[in-house]
Amino acid sequence: MGRIIIKNDEELQCMREAGGVAAKIKLELARNATPGTSTQELDLYGKELIEKAGARSAFIGYKGPGKTPPYPGYTCISVNEEVVHGVPGDRLIQLGDIVSIDVGVHYNGFVGDNATTVMVGVTDPEVIRLVEVSNQALQDAIDQAVDGGFLGDVSHAVEAAAKKAGFGLVRQFVGHGVGRSMHEEPQIPNYGRPGTKPRLKTGMTLAIEPMLNLGKDDVQTLSDGWTVVTRDRLPSVHVEHTIAVMPGKAEILTLPENAP
């Protein structure tokens, strides 16, 4: 593991603003995830909002591993069985869908990164429970991200919530440190042993992102090189906040009221 970058007070304020911009855009896109809207239409609206905020997308053109083509969207829009990195296209959102909206922006030199999963007229009680447990898992993990704590406790909190509820847990993709770059150290798996290092220190900034499946753990990447789906094609939920480690209680940076 490489060096984990500690942010000073000035840098944390910049990250609050970047996080606020990302959060406002995420919430506006969530309001517009309506039946009959294509994921590409939603993405292009995201582009408009990002530019209007004086920011730029942290996703478009992002180079993946190996021969993976640069990411083509301004946001990631993942529907139902799509877990993360859903490439926007002509897929129409339908009543009963869950839609994960992931927004990352560069703003004033720092990155804000967050995601939510929206229920579009969902009535299936198990899908509703999956969304609720995923949001609780995110909060449980954030509660562990305090000065002097262990990263293993953050990871374990997500795993414990998934296991208790009987849901699958995505292990191939992880959360990450974030700051001037979208991906910094450390990696943050959604599973782990309590009490395992590294120790957390005030000023560390982390993107925590649980990914829970209604079915089994297994996922695969589609031929576009980006869109990750559950292997059993059952629904998946992805939620995410960027947080700052603080004494006593972590601070969520991706809150709309932080936007300048």
Protein backbone atom coordinates (compact mmCIF):
# COMPACT_ATOMS: atom_id res chain seq x y z
CA MET A 1 0.00 0.00 0.00
CA GLY A 2 1.29 3.45 -0.89
CA ARG A 3 1.18 6.61 1.16
CA ILE A 4 -2.21 7.84 2.32
CA ILE A 5 -2.43 11.58 1.75
CA ILE A 6 -3.56 13.68 4.72
CA LYS A 7 -5.47 16.86 3.82
CA ASN A 8 -5.01 20.10 5.74
CA ASP A 9 -7.87 22.43 6.68
CA GLU A 10 -7.67 24.40 3.43
CA GLU A 11 -7.67 21.25 1.33
CA LEU A 12 -10.60 19.83 3.30
CA GLN A 13 -12.60 22.98 2.59
CA CYS A 14 -11.89 22.56 -1.12
CA MET A 15 -13.05 18.95 -0.87
CA ARG A 16 -16.26 20.03 0.88
CA GLU A 17 -17.02 22.31 -2.06
CA ALA A 18 -16.20 19.64 -4.65
CA GLY A 19 -18.29 17.15 -2.69
CA GLY A 20 -21.17 19.60 -2.49
CA VAL A 21 -21.15 20.14 -6.24
CA ALA A 22 -21.16 16.37 -6.88
CA ALA A 23 -23.96 15.86 -4.35
CA LYS A 24 -26.23 18.53 -5.84
CA ILE A 25 -25.82 17.05 -9.32
CA LYS A 26 -26.44 13.52 -8.05
CA LEU A 27 -29.68 14.57 -6.36
CA GLU A 28 -30.90 16.47 -9.43
CA LEU A 29 -30.24 13.47 -11.65
CA ALA A 30 -32.01 11.23 -9.13
CA ARG A 31 -35.10 13.43 -9.39
CA ASN A 32 -35.01 13.01 -13.16
CA ALA A 33 -34.62 9.22 -13.21
CA THR A 34 -38.19 8.73 -14.42
CA PRO A 35 -39.92 6.11 -16.57
CA GLY A 36 -39.27 6.62 -20.29
CA THR A 37 -36.00 8.51 -19.78
CA SER A 38 -32.96 6.89 -21.36
CA THR A 39 -29.74 6.54 -19.41
CA GLN A 40 -28.01 8.61 -22.10
CA GLU A 41 -30.52 11.45 -21.69
CA LEU A 42 -29.83 11.39 -17.95
CA ASP A 43 -26.09 11.41 -18.58
CA LEU A 44 -26.28 14.38 -20.96
CA TYR A 45 -28.31 16.27 -18.37
CA GLY A 46 -25.48 15.44 -15.95
CA LYS A 47 -22.98 16.93 -18.41
CA GLU A 48 -25.06 20.12 -18.55
CA LEU A 49 -25.23 20.36 -14.75
CA ILE A 50 -21.50 19.70 -14.33
CA GLU A 51 -20.58 22.42 -16.80
CA LYS A 52 -23.08 24.86 -15.29
CA ALA A 53 -21.41 24.32 -11.89
CA GLY A 54 -18.01 25.22 -13.33
CA ALA A 55 -16.77 21.66 -12.80
CA ARG A 56 -15.71 18.85 -15.10
CA SER A 57 -16.58 15.18 -15.05
CA ALA A 58 -14.07 12.93 -13.30
CA PHE A 59 -15.29 10.00 -15.38
CA ILE A 60 -15.34 10.83 -19.08
CA GLY A 61 -12.14 9.75 -20.78
CA TYR A 62 -10.97 7.86 -17.69
CA LYS A 63 -8.53 5.17 -18.77
CA GLY A 64 -9.28 1.72 -17.45
CA PRO A 65 -6.88 -1.19 -17.05
CA GLY A 66 -5.17 -2.82 -20.03
CA LYS A 67 -6.90 -2.31 -23.35
CA THR A 68 -10.14 -1.05 -21.83
CA PRO A 69 -11.34 1.95 -23.88
CA PRO A 70 -11.61 5.35 -22.14
CA TYR A 71 -14.89 5.68 -20.26
CA PRO A 72 -17.41 7.35 -22.62
CA GLY A 73 -19.95 8.87 -20.22
CA TYR A 74 -20.04 11.92 -17.97
CA THR A 75 -21.68 9.92 -15.18
CA CYS A 76 -22.23 6.22 -14.47
CA ILE A 77 -25.85 5.08 -14.73
CA SER A 78 -26.43 1.46 -13.69
CA VAL A 79 -29.90 -0.12 -13.88
CA ASN A 80 -31.13 -3.21 -12.00
CA GLU A 81 -28.57 -6.00 -12.61
CA GLU A 82 -25.88 -3.42 -13.49
CA VAL A 83 -23.68 -3.00 -10.43
CA VAL A 84 -21.31 -0.13 -11.23
CA HIS A 85 -19.75 1.72 -14.19
CA GLY A 86 -22.92 1.47 -16.27
CA VAL A 87 -22.25 3.11 -19.63
CA PRO A 88 -25.14 5.44 -20.55
CA GLY A 89 -27.02 4.48 -23.69
CA ASP A 90 -30.49 3.91 -25.13
CA ARG A 91 -31.78 1.78 -22.24
CA LEU A 92 -35.05 3.29 -21.02
CA ILE A 93 -35.78 3.53 -17.31
CA GLN A 94 -38.97 1.64 -16.47
CA LEU A 95 -41.38 1.55 -13.56
CA GLY A 96 -40.03 -0.92 -11.02
CA ASP A 97 -36.37 -0.29 -11.84
CA ILE A 98 -33.61 0.64 -9.44
CA VAL A 99 -31.13 3.10 -10.92
CA SER A 100 -27.67 3.74 -9.50
CA ILE A 101 -26.39 7.24 -10.28
CA ASP A 102 -22.67 7.81 -9.72
CA VAL A 103 -21.34 11.37 -10.06
CA GLY A 104 -17.69 12.36 -9.77
CA VAL A 105 -16.41 15.85 -10.51
CA HIS A 106 -13.22 17.84 -10.51
CA TYR A 107 -13.82 21.21 -8.90
CA ASN A 108 -11.13 23.73 -7.93
CA GLY A 109 -8.43 21.07 -8.01
CA PHE A 110 -10.21 18.39 -5.97
CA VAL A 111 -12.60 15.51 -6.60
CA GLY A 112 -16.07 14.95 -5.19
CA ASP A 113 -17.38 11.40 -5.71
CA ASN A 114 -20.77 10.01 -4.65
CA ALA A 115 -23.54 7.65 -5.70
CA THR A 116 -27.11 6.78 -4.83
CA THR A 117 -29.57 4.11 -5.93
CA VAL A 118 -33.03 5.41 -6.80
CA MET A 119 -36.18 3.28 -6.66
CA VAL A 120 -38.46 4.09 -9.60
CA GLY A 121 -41.87 2.93 -8.39
CA VAL A 122 -40.42 -0.23 -6.86
CA THR A 123 -42.93 -2.45 -5.06
CA ASP A 124 -40.88 -5.65 -4.60
CA PRO A 125 -40.27 -5.81 -0.82
CA GLU A 126 -36.94 -7.63 -1.23
CA VAL A 127 -35.59 -4.97 -3.61
CA ILE A 128 -36.74 -2.25 -1.22
CA ARG A 129 -34.98 -4.09 1.62
CA LEU A 130 -31.82 -4.38 -0.50
CA VAL A 131 -31.74 -0.61 -0.99
CA GLU A 132 -32.41 0.06 2.68
CA VAL A 133 -29.73 -2.36 3.89
CA SER A 134 -27.20 -0.91 1.44
CA ASN A 135 -27.80 2.61 2.74
CA GLN A 136 -27.51 1.36 6.32
CA ALA A 137 -24.28 -0.46 5.45
CA LEU A 138 -22.86 2.80 4.13
CA GLN A 139 -23.80 4.61 7.34
CA ASP A 140 -22.38 1.79 9.47
CA ALA A 141 -19.07 2.03 7.60
CA ILE A 142 -18.97 5.83 7.94
CA ASP A 143 -19.53 5.45 11.69
CA GLN A 144 -16.29 3.43 11.90
CA ALA A 145 -14.19 6.01 10.03
CA VAL A 146 -12.81 7.91 13.01
CA ASP A 147 -9.36 9.06 14.07
CA GLY A 148 -7.49 6.18 15.65
CA GLY A 149 -9.79 3.55 14.19
CA PHE A 150 -8.89 0.86 11.67
CA LEU A 151 -9.71 0.64 8.00
CA GLY A 152 -10.59 -3.01 8.57
CA ASP A 153 -13.49 -1.92 10.78
CA VAL A 154 -14.87 0.27 7.96
CA SER A 155 -14.73 -2.63 5.52
CA HIS A 156 -16.11 -5.14 8.02
CA ALA A 157 -19.14 -2.95 8.75
CA VAL A 158 -20.35 -3.34 5.16
CA GLU A 159 -19.70 -7.07 5.14
CA ALA A 160 -21.54 -7.54 8.44
CA ALA A 161 -24.63 -5.68 7.20
CA ALA A 162 -24.74 -7.73 3.98
CA LYS A 163 -24.29 -11.05 5.76
CA LYS A 164 -26.90 -10.28 8.41
CA ALA A 165 -29.44 -9.45 5.70
CA GLY A 166 -28.52 -12.44 3.53
CA PHE A 167 -27.43 -10.40 0.51
CA GLY A 168 -24.54 -10.96 -1.89
CA LEU A 169 -21.48 -8.72 -1.57
CA VAL A 170 -19.38 -7.48 -4.48
CA ARG A 171 -15.72 -8.18 -3.76
CA GLN A 172 -14.04 -7.40 -7.09
CA PHE A 173 -14.57 -3.63 -6.84
CA VAL A 174 -13.67 -1.41 -3.90
CA GLY A 175 -13.86 2.06 -2.45
CA HIS A 176 -10.79 4.24 -2.40
CA GLY A 177 -8.98 7.27 -1.12
CA VAL A 178 -9.85 10.47 -2.98
CA GLY A 179 -8.42 13.98 -3.16
CA ARG A 180 -6.70 15.76 -6.01
CA SER A 181 -7.05 12.48 -7.89
CA MET A 182 -10.14 10.32 -8.08
CA HIS A 183 -8.26 7.22 -6.94
CA GLU A 184 -5.74 7.52 -4.11
CA GLU A 185 -4.60 5.13 -1.42
CA PRO A 186 -6.01 3.27 0.39
CA GLN A 187 -8.24 0.77 -1.34
CA ILE A 188 -11.38 0.13 0.73
CA PRO A 189 -12.89 -3.35 0.22
CA ASN A 190 -16.44 -4.00 1.35
CA TYR A 191 -15.20 -6.90 3.47
CA GLY A 192 -12.44 -7.26 6.02
CA ARG A 193 -11.34 -8.24 9.50
CA PRO A 194 -11.96 -5.84 12.38
CA GLY A 195 -8.86 -4.25 13.86
CA THR A 196 -6.70 -4.55 10.74
CA LYS A 197 -4.48 -1.69 9.61
CA PRO A 198 -3.96 0.91 8.37
CA ARG A 199 -4.99 3.10 11.27
CA LEU A 200 -7.17 6.04 10.33
CA LYS A 201 -6.00 9.60 10.95
CA THR A 202 -7.70 12.98 10.88
CA GLY A 203 -7.53 14.44 7.38
CA MET A 204 -7.76 11.18 5.46
CA THR A 205 -10.47 11.42 2.80
CA LEU A 206 -12.19 8.23 1.67
CA ALA A 207 -14.83 7.25 -0.87
CA ILE A 208 -16.79 4.45 0.82
CA GLU A 209 -19.04 2.57 -1.59
CA PRO A 210 -21.00 -0.55 -0.63
CA MET A 211 -22.22 -2.75 -3.50
CA LEU A 212 -24.80 -5.34 -2.41
CA ASN A 213 -26.59 -7.89 -4.57
CA LEU A 214 -30.02 -9.42 -4.18
CA GLY A 215 -28.51 -12.74 -5.28
CA LYS A 216 -24.98 -14.08 -5.21
CA ASP A 217 -21.65 -12.27 -4.96
CA ASP A 218 -20.43 -12.98 -8.49
CA VAL A 219 -20.21 -10.23 -11.11
CA GLN A 220 -18.85 -9.89 -14.63
CA THR A 221 -17.91 -7.03 -16.96
CA LEU A 222 -19.77 -6.67 -20.26
CA SER A 223 -18.16 -6.37 -23.69
CA ASP A 224 -18.10 -2.55 -23.49
CA GLY A 225 -15.24 -3.02 -21.01
CA TRP A 226 -16.97 -1.05 -18.26
CA THR A 227 -20.51 -2.06 -17.31
CA VAL A 228 -20.39 -4.53 -14.42
CA VAL A 229 -23.41 -6.82 -13.97
CA THR A 230 -24.40 -9.52 -11.52
CA ARG A 231 -23.69 -12.94 -12.99
CA ASP A 232 -27.14 -14.17 -11.98
CA ARG A 233 -28.69 -10.95 -13.37
CA LEU A 234 -30.48 -10.16 -10.11
CA PRO A 235 -30.60 -6.52 -8.94
CA SER A 236 -27.65 -4.78 -7.30
CA VAL A 237 -27.36 -1.57 -5.29
CA HIS A 238 -24.43 0.86 -5.22
CA VAL A 239 -24.26 3.79 -2.78
CA GLU A 240 -21.31 6.05 -1.98
CA HIS A 241 -20.16 9.07 0.01
CA THR A 242 -16.83 10.84 0.21
CA ILE A 243 -15.94 11.36 3.87
CA ALA A 244 -13.18 12.93 5.94
CA VAL A 245 -11.81 11.11 8.96
CA MET A 246 -12.21 13.27 12.05
CA PRO A 247 -11.88 12.79 15.82
CA GLY A 248 -15.04 11.25 17.22
CA LYS A 249 -17.16 11.26 14.05
CA ALA A 250 -16.45 11.22 10.34
CA GLU A 251 -17.61 14.18 8.24
CA ILE A 252 -19.58 13.48 5.07
CA LEU A 253 -18.17 15.79 2.41
CA THR A 254 -20.69 14.95 -0.33
CA LEU A 255 -23.59 16.96 1.05
CA PRO A 256 -25.46 19.43 -1.21
CA GLU A 257 -25.23 22.22 1.36
CA ASN A 258 -21.44 22.17 0.93
CA ALA A 259 -21.71 23.45 -2.63
CA PRO A 260 -20.41 27.01 -3.03
